[in-house]
Structure formats: C-alpha cells, structure tokens
Amino acid sequence: MRATSALAVLAALATGLLAACGSSSLQFTPPGSSTARSSTSSSFSLTQAAGPAPYLALGDSVTFGFVAHPAPPAGGGDPYKNAADFVGYPTYVGNTLGLSTTNASCAGETTGSFLDPKAGDNGCHAYRAAYPLHVSYPGQTQEQFAVSFLKAHPTTELVTLGLGANDGLLVIGNCGGLTDTACINGQMPALLTSITTNLTTIVQAVRSAGFNGTFVLVNFYSVNYANTFETQLVSQLNGAIATVAGTNHLPLADTFSAFQAAANRVAGNTCATGLLATGSSSLGPCDLHPSLSGQQLIASVVANVAVK
C-alpha cells in the first residue's frame, strides 16, 4: 500500500495512546462499553480512485470489537443486538488508510472453525446463532466468505487476519485454568502445530482467491505481562503466527510489543494501562478484550505495517 501523510497521523496517534497509558475474554459469553459505530468512510485517503478500495478484516472477537460487559443501550434492551455498537481496530485502520472496511470477524472463532464449521470454537457458533455479525454470511464459514468476497472485489488492497488466541483459550479451559501448567504445557506442541497448519491453509486460500494486495497477520497481547507463565503462552502462540508470516513473506503487526511497552510503565499490569475493557475475566480483573484505546493502539500498529 502507498504511504502518504497517514504515517504522520499514525505516529501521532500511537504516541498519544502510549502517553495516556502511562497515566492512568477472548471468549464470548452471551448475555467496557462502546457506543461508536463501525464505519466504511475514510478520513485520510491513500486511494485516488473513484471511491475507497476495499479492506477485508478477518479474525475473532478482538477484530470484531467485542467486549464482555457492554453498556446497555440508552433505550434499554439487549446490548449485543446491534453489531455496529462494537468497534474493532479494522474501523480505525480503514478510516486512517482511506479504505472501505468489511469486518467479517466472529467472536470466539478459532483457526479450525474459520475453516470447518464442525471444528471446535470458543463461542462463534453460539454468537452467530444469537446475534448479528458486522457482515452476514449464513451457512458459510469465514473462509468461504473471505474467498467469495475477494473474488467479487478484485481491487481489495488490504486483508488482515487475527486468529489463534481462542485456540489457546480452549486448551486453558480444557485444563481447568492456568494453574494446571503441566496439562497446558503437554498440549502446547499439538496446539502450535494445529495453529500453524490452519493459518497456512487460510493464507493459501486468500491468495488462491486472487488477492495480491497487502496481507497482514496480527499477533496477540498478554492480558498480564507480570504473569510470566501466561505471557510465555502468548509468546508461543505468537511464535506460530510469526512462523506463518515469515514462511509466506507476510508483514506481521506486533501488538504484543505495543501493549508490553505500555504495561512496562505500570509494572507489567496490562489492566492498569487502560488498554483493556472494564469488567473481570477468568484471567484477571479486566476484560480480556481491548478498550477503544486498546483497539486504536492495535490499529496504529496494523496501519503502520500495512503502509510500509
């Protein structure tokens, strides 16, 4: 993708977010808050064609903008009823780069369920059955939608993919939580192999659909950098993602390091940075999902990588 003054904007955004951080569950469970709306309009245009070029965002609840404890709507009712009330980093990336964003992510998606509807997930099937996604593709996997979208939109400039965290959360859940380190460590080799294989298959499917634009893989942050074991698990997961990126010559958006830089200012406590949404989770006193500030920080990392 072509870089213009957007780089200056991104640098300013990232600096401001990190300064703010210094001052201050990737799992879907059906019933902070977000009232901003998803947008496909652009603020800074990198595309001079007669309309913004498409951008396809693929992934899980982080990409979706999901939070476990959203504020109730002003008029009352179900806070999950309107997908536009959940804003993920693709909205900010699209606005910054002047692209038309299609966010096909699903809360609870695993690398396996992305490809196969019969594969285990961490809540995506339940979410789709009860609530709308940002875009509707009934009867299709996220992979099938991605392929059909790319074939129908050959001018797509950017694809981002953030998957793998739910695969890890399933292992943690199967082991009864983080305390059974022997169980988790015993399952890690098979988990990492599975993630690497599935992500490679997804990358090949996207390329086989004729997409020749910028394809960015997005890694994951630790919800508590002060917890060595937890952070090591995330690092291993990110290692598998990095392997796929390297093998396929894809840029990698390193959100792990961006969140770590902020957490280091508060003794590694990611929750204290303000980058995570409010509400407790099984892994700590904050939601596992990013706040709007966290989503904006991820967006700055993704967009900076995309324009290089």
Protein backbone atom coordinates (compact mmCIF):
# COMPACT_ATOMS: atom_id res chain seq x y z
CA MET A 1 0.00 0.00 0.00
CA ARG A 2 1.07 3.55 -0.63
CA ALA A 3 2.14 5.76 2.27
CA THR A 4 1.34 9.48 2.45
CA SER A 5 0.75 11.84 5.34
CA ALA A 6 -1.06 8.97 7.08
CA LEU A 7 2.29 7.95 8.55
CA ALA A 8 2.47 11.20 10.49
CA VAL A 9 -1.08 10.72 11.69
CA LEU A 10 -0.32 7.18 12.82
CA ALA A 11 2.80 8.24 14.65
CA ALA A 12 0.89 10.94 16.49
CA LEU A 13 -1.89 8.51 17.38
CA ALA A 14 0.48 5.89 18.74
CA THR A 15 2.43 8.48 20.76
CA GLY A 16 -0.74 9.88 22.27
CA LEU A 17 -2.07 6.46 23.21
CA LEU A 18 1.13 5.37 24.88
CA ALA A 19 1.32 8.63 26.80
CA ALA A 20 -2.23 8.14 28.01
CA CYS A 21 -1.46 4.56 29.05
CA GLY A 22 1.39 5.75 31.21
CA SER A 23 -1.06 7.87 33.21
CA SER A 24 -3.64 6.08 34.35
CA SER A 25 -12.12 -12.57 27.37
CA LEU A 26 -11.13 -13.53 24.17
CA GLN A 27 -14.12 -15.74 24.97
CA PHE A 28 -17.74 -14.90 24.13
CA THR A 29 -20.25 -15.34 26.93
CA PRO A 30 -23.76 -14.41 25.64
CA PRO A 31 -25.54 -12.13 27.92
CA GLY A 32 -16.40 -1.64 28.72
CA SER A 33 -18.72 -0.39 26.51
CA SER A 34 -18.57 1.01 23.01
CA THR A 35 -21.11 3.36 21.50
CA ALA A 36 -19.14 4.44 18.47
CA ARG A 37 -20.30 2.97 15.18
CA SER A 38 -18.43 0.97 12.60
CA SER A 39 -17.62 2.96 9.52
CA THR A 40 -16.52 2.34 5.98
CA SER A 41 -15.85 6.00 5.29
CA SER A 42 -12.35 7.43 5.13
CA SER A 43 -10.62 10.28 6.90
CA PHE A 44 -7.23 10.05 5.22
CA SER A 45 -7.21 8.81 1.65
CA LEU A 46 -4.39 6.75 0.22
CA THR A 47 -6.51 5.73 -2.77
CA GLN A 48 -7.22 8.20 -5.54
CA ALA A 49 -9.72 6.03 -7.39
CA ALA A 50 -13.43 6.87 -7.62
CA GLY A 51 -14.11 5.61 -4.12
CA PRO A 52 -12.14 3.90 -1.38
CA ALA A 53 -10.65 0.50 -2.15
CA PRO A 54 -11.90 -2.49 -0.14
CA TYR A 55 -10.27 -3.75 3.04
CA LEU A 56 -11.25 -7.17 4.42
CA ALA A 57 -10.69 -7.84 8.12
CA LEU A 58 -10.73 -11.46 9.28
CA GLY A 59 -10.46 -12.78 12.81
CA ASP A 60 -12.02 -13.28 16.21
CA SER A 61 -13.51 -11.15 18.97
CA VAL A 62 -10.60 -8.70 19.11
CA THR A 63 -11.07 -7.93 15.43
CA PHE A 64 -14.84 -7.79 15.97
CA GLY A 65 -14.57 -5.21 18.76
CA PHE A 66 -16.36 -7.49 21.23
CA VAL A 67 -16.39 -6.67 24.94
CA ALA A 68 -17.81 -8.99 27.57
CA HIS A 69 -19.66 -6.33 29.54
CA PRO A 70 -21.07 -3.71 27.15
CA ALA A 71 -23.13 -0.82 28.44
CA PRO A 72 -26.88 -1.30 27.93
CA PRO A 73 -28.45 0.70 25.09
CA ALA A 74 -29.86 4.08 26.03
CA GLY A 75 -33.40 2.84 25.41
CA GLY A 76 -32.79 -0.48 27.15
CA GLY A 77 -32.72 -3.92 25.60
CA ASP A 78 -30.03 -6.36 24.57
CA PRO A 79 -26.60 -4.69 24.23
CA TYR A 80 -25.48 -7.33 21.71
CA LYS A 81 -28.35 -6.72 19.31
CA ASN A 82 -26.57 -4.08 17.22
CA ALA A 83 -23.21 -5.18 15.84
CA ALA A 84 -22.37 -1.58 14.94
CA ASP A 85 -22.04 -0.79 18.64
CA PHE A 86 -18.88 -2.93 18.74
CA VAL A 87 -15.89 -1.21 17.19
CA GLY A 88 -12.74 -3.15 16.42
CA TYR A 89 -9.40 -1.97 15.11
CA PRO A 90 -10.42 -2.51 11.44
CA THR A 91 -12.71 0.52 11.66
CA TYR A 92 -9.78 2.74 12.67
CA VAL A 93 -7.44 1.15 10.14
CA GLY A 94 -9.92 1.69 7.32
CA ASN A 95 -10.58 5.29 8.31
CA THR A 96 -6.88 6.08 8.62
CA LEU A 97 -5.88 4.48 5.33
CA GLY A 98 -8.90 5.64 3.35
CA LEU A 99 -10.25 2.14 2.72
CA SER A 100 -13.76 0.71 2.77
CA THR A 101 -13.81 -1.76 5.66
CA THR A 102 -15.61 -5.08 5.66
CA ASN A 103 -15.19 -6.72 9.05
CA ALA A 104 -16.04 -10.44 8.69
CA SER A 105 -14.75 -11.49 12.12
CA CYS A 106 -16.65 -13.62 14.61
CA ALA A 107 -16.31 -13.56 18.40
CA GLY A 108 -14.97 -16.92 19.53
CA GLU A 109 -13.59 -18.02 16.16
CA THR A 110 -10.67 -20.45 16.23
CA THR A 111 -8.26 -21.23 13.41
CA GLY A 112 -10.13 -24.51 12.99
CA SER A 113 -13.69 -23.17 12.99
CA PHE A 114 -12.62 -20.50 10.50
CA LEU A 115 -12.13 -23.34 8.03
CA ASP A 116 -14.55 -26.01 9.18
CA PRO A 117 -18.00 -25.46 10.76
CA LYS A 118 -17.60 -28.76 12.64
CA ALA A 119 -14.34 -27.75 14.30
CA GLY A 120 -14.30 -26.65 17.91
CA ASP A 121 -14.69 -22.95 18.58
CA ASN A 122 -14.82 -20.70 21.63
CA GLY A 123 -18.29 -19.28 21.13
CA CYS A 124 -18.51 -18.18 17.48
CA HIS A 125 -21.28 -20.64 16.61
CA ALA A 126 -23.33 -19.51 19.61
CA TYR A 127 -22.73 -15.85 18.81
CA ARG A 128 -23.79 -16.22 15.18
CA ALA A 129 -26.93 -18.07 16.23
CA ALA A 130 -27.97 -15.38 18.68
CA TYR A 131 -26.58 -12.08 17.37
CA PRO A 132 -25.59 -10.38 14.12
CA LEU A 133 -22.04 -10.10 12.87
CA HIS A 134 -20.77 -6.96 11.16
CA VAL A 135 -21.49 -8.71 7.86
CA SER A 136 -23.84 -11.63 7.33
CA TYR A 137 -22.77 -14.89 5.68
CA PRO A 138 -25.26 -17.54 6.84
CA GLY A 139 -24.32 -21.10 6.02
CA GLN A 140 -20.73 -20.16 5.22
CA THR A 141 -17.50 -20.35 7.16
CA GLN A 142 -15.44 -17.21 7.50
CA GLU A 143 -13.02 -18.71 5.00
CA GLN A 144 -15.79 -19.25 2.43
CA PHE A 145 -17.00 -15.69 2.86
CA ALA A 146 -13.44 -14.35 2.52
CA VAL A 147 -12.83 -16.23 -0.72
CA SER A 148 -16.15 -15.15 -2.24
CA PHE A 149 -15.58 -11.54 -1.12
CA LEU A 150 -12.10 -11.36 -2.64
CA LYS A 151 -13.25 -12.86 -5.91
CA ALA A 152 -16.09 -10.32 -6.06
CA HIS A 153 -13.80 -7.42 -5.06
CA PRO A 154 -10.57 -7.82 -7.07
CA THR A 155 -9.45 -4.28 -6.14
CA THR A 156 -9.15 -5.17 -2.44
CA GLU A 157 -5.95 -3.54 -1.17
CA LEU A 158 -5.68 -4.91 2.36
CA VAL A 159 -6.52 -8.09 4.25
CA THR A 160 -5.78 -8.50 7.96
CA LEU A 161 -6.02 -11.74 9.92
CA GLY A 162 -6.03 -12.09 13.70
CA LEU A 163 -6.65 -15.67 14.86
CA GLY A 164 -5.24 -18.18 17.31
CA ALA A 165 -5.99 -16.81 20.78
CA ASN A 166 -9.21 -18.80 21.09
CA ASP A 167 -7.32 -21.98 20.22
CA GLY A 168 -5.14 -21.29 23.24
CA LEU A 169 -8.09 -20.43 25.47
CA LEU A 170 -9.71 -23.75 24.64
CA VAL A 171 -6.59 -25.55 25.87
CA ILE A 172 -6.56 -23.49 29.06
CA GLY A 173 -10.23 -24.26 29.60
CA ASN A 174 -9.75 -27.97 28.97
CA CYS A 175 -7.00 -27.96 31.58
CA GLY A 176 -9.21 -26.26 34.15
CA GLY A 177 -7.41 -22.93 34.06
CA LEU A 178 -3.90 -21.56 34.19
CA THR A 179 -3.00 -23.36 37.41
CA ASP A 180 -2.53 -26.76 35.74
CA THR A 181 0.70 -25.85 33.99
CA ALA A 182 1.64 -29.47 33.30
CA CYS A 183 -1.59 -30.07 31.39
CA ILE A 184 -1.21 -26.88 29.38
CA ASN A 185 2.44 -27.47 28.57
CA GLY A 186 1.64 -31.01 27.49
CA GLN A 187 -0.91 -29.76 24.95
CA MET A 188 1.13 -26.86 23.59
CA PRO A 189 3.12 -28.74 20.89
CA ALA A 190 -0.04 -30.10 19.25
CA LEU A 191 -1.75 -26.72 19.63
CA LEU A 192 1.06 -24.82 17.94
CA THR A 193 1.22 -27.33 15.11
CA SER A 194 -2.52 -27.03 14.58
CA ILE A 195 -2.43 -23.22 14.57
CA THR A 196 0.49 -23.17 12.13
CA THR A 197 -1.23 -25.64 9.80
CA ASN A 198 -4.60 -23.87 9.89
CA LEU A 199 -3.16 -20.38 9.42
CA THR A 200 -1.10 -21.62 6.48
CA THR A 201 -4.25 -23.07 4.91
CA ILE A 202 -6.06 -19.76 5.41
CA VAL A 203 -3.22 -17.78 3.85
CA GLN A 204 -3.20 -20.08 0.85
CA ALA A 205 -6.98 -19.77 0.47
CA VAL A 206 -6.78 -15.99 0.48
CA ARG A 207 -4.01 -15.96 -2.11
CA SER A 208 -5.80 -18.57 -4.22
CA ALA A 209 -8.79 -16.23 -4.37
CA GLY A 210 -6.65 -13.90 -6.48
CA PHE A 211 -5.74 -11.44 -3.74
CA ASN A 212 -2.40 -9.77 -4.44
CA GLY A 213 -2.63 -6.82 -2.07
CA THR A 214 -1.12 -6.32 1.38
CA PHE A 215 -1.85 -9.22 3.73
CA VAL A 216 -1.09 -8.51 7.40
CA LEU A 217 -1.10 -11.09 10.19
CA VAL A 218 -1.87 -9.70 13.64
CA ASN A 219 -0.48 -11.25 16.82
CA PHE A 220 -1.81 -11.01 20.38
CA TYR A 221 -1.02 -9.14 23.59
CA SER A 222 -0.76 -10.56 27.10
CA VAL A 223 -3.53 -9.53 29.48
CA ASN A 224 -0.90 -9.51 32.25
CA TYR A 225 2.76 -9.14 31.37
CA ALA A 226 3.61 -9.54 35.05
CA ASN A 227 2.40 -13.16 34.85
CA THR A 228 5.37 -14.99 33.38
CA PHE A 229 3.59 -18.23 32.54
CA GLU A 230 0.65 -16.52 30.87
CA THR A 231 2.91 -14.25 28.86
CA GLN A 232 5.07 -17.19 27.76
CA LEU A 233 1.96 -18.94 26.44
CA VAL A 234 1.06 -15.87 24.39
CA SER A 235 4.64 -15.66 23.15
CA GLN A 236 4.49 -19.27 21.96
CA LEU A 237 1.21 -18.59 20.19
CA ASN A 238 2.72 -15.51 18.58
CA GLY A 239 5.72 -17.60 17.55
CA ALA A 240 3.44 -19.82 15.48
CA ILE A 241 1.85 -16.76 13.89
CA ALA A 242 5.28 -15.30 13.15
CA THR A 243 6.38 -18.57 11.54
CA VAL A 244 3.44 -18.45 9.14
CA ALA A 245 4.11 -14.79 8.39
CA GLY A 246 7.78 -15.46 7.70
CA THR A 247 7.22 -18.54 5.58
CA ASN A 248 4.66 -16.73 3.44
CA HIS A 249 6.53 -13.40 3.35
CA LEU A 250 3.71 -11.50 5.08
CA PRO A 251 4.04 -8.44 7.31
CA LEU A 252 3.33 -9.01 10.99
CA ALA A 253 1.57 -6.46 13.21
CA ASP A 254 3.25 -6.85 16.60
CA THR A 255 0.55 -5.82 19.07
CA PHE A 256 2.30 -7.86 21.77
CA SER A 257 5.19 -5.40 21.90
CA ALA A 258 2.95 -2.33 21.67
CA PHE A 259 0.88 -3.41 24.68
CA GLN A 260 4.02 -4.51 26.52
CA ALA A 261 5.56 -1.06 26.15
CA ALA A 262 2.52 0.44 27.85
CA ALA A 263 2.33 -2.28 30.52
CA ASN A 264 6.01 -1.86 31.42
CA ARG A 265 5.14 1.61 32.74
CA VAL A 266 2.81 0.05 35.32
CA ALA A 267 4.84 -2.98 36.43
CA GLY A 268 3.56 -5.17 33.61
CA ASN A 269 -0.07 -4.78 34.65
CA THR A 270 -1.93 -4.61 31.33
CA CYS A 271 -5.19 -3.92 33.14
CA ALA A 272 -3.78 -0.70 34.61
CA THR A 273 -2.90 0.70 31.19
CA GLY A 274 -6.49 1.37 30.17
CA LEU A 275 -5.96 -0.70 27.03
CA LEU A 276 -8.36 -3.42 28.21
CA ALA A 277 -12.11 -3.04 28.56
CA THR A 278 -13.70 -2.84 32.00
CA GLY A 279 -15.03 -5.95 33.70
CA SER A 280 -13.35 -9.01 35.16
CA SER A 281 -12.48 -12.25 33.38
CA SER A 282 -11.22 -15.71 34.22
CA LEU A 283 -7.66 -14.45 33.72
CA GLY A 284 -7.78 -11.20 35.69
CA PRO A 285 -9.57 -8.07 36.90
CA CYS A 286 -10.10 -6.65 33.41
CA ASP A 287 -11.93 -7.89 30.33
CA LEU A 288 -9.69 -9.90 28.03
CA HIS A 289 -10.70 -7.66 25.15
CA PRO A 290 -9.30 -4.24 24.24
CA SER A 291 -10.94 -1.00 25.22
CA LEU A 292 -11.40 1.61 22.50
CA SER A 293 -7.92 2.90 23.37
CA GLY A 294 -6.58 -0.61 23.01
CA GLN A 295 -8.30 -1.02 19.65
CA GLN A 296 -6.83 2.28 18.48
CA LEU A 297 -3.35 1.18 19.53
CA ILE A 298 -3.74 -2.08 17.61
CA ALA A 299 -4.96 -0.07 14.62
CA SER A 300 -1.89 2.15 14.71
CA VAL A 301 0.38 -0.92 14.66
CA VAL A 302 -1.57 -2.58 11.85
CA ALA A 303 -1.76 0.54 9.70
CA ASN A 304 1.93 1.35 10.16
CA VAL A 305 2.83 -2.14 8.96
CA ALA A 306 0.34 -2.00 6.08
CA VAL A 307 1.74 1.17 4.56
CA LYS A 308 5.39 0.12 4.62
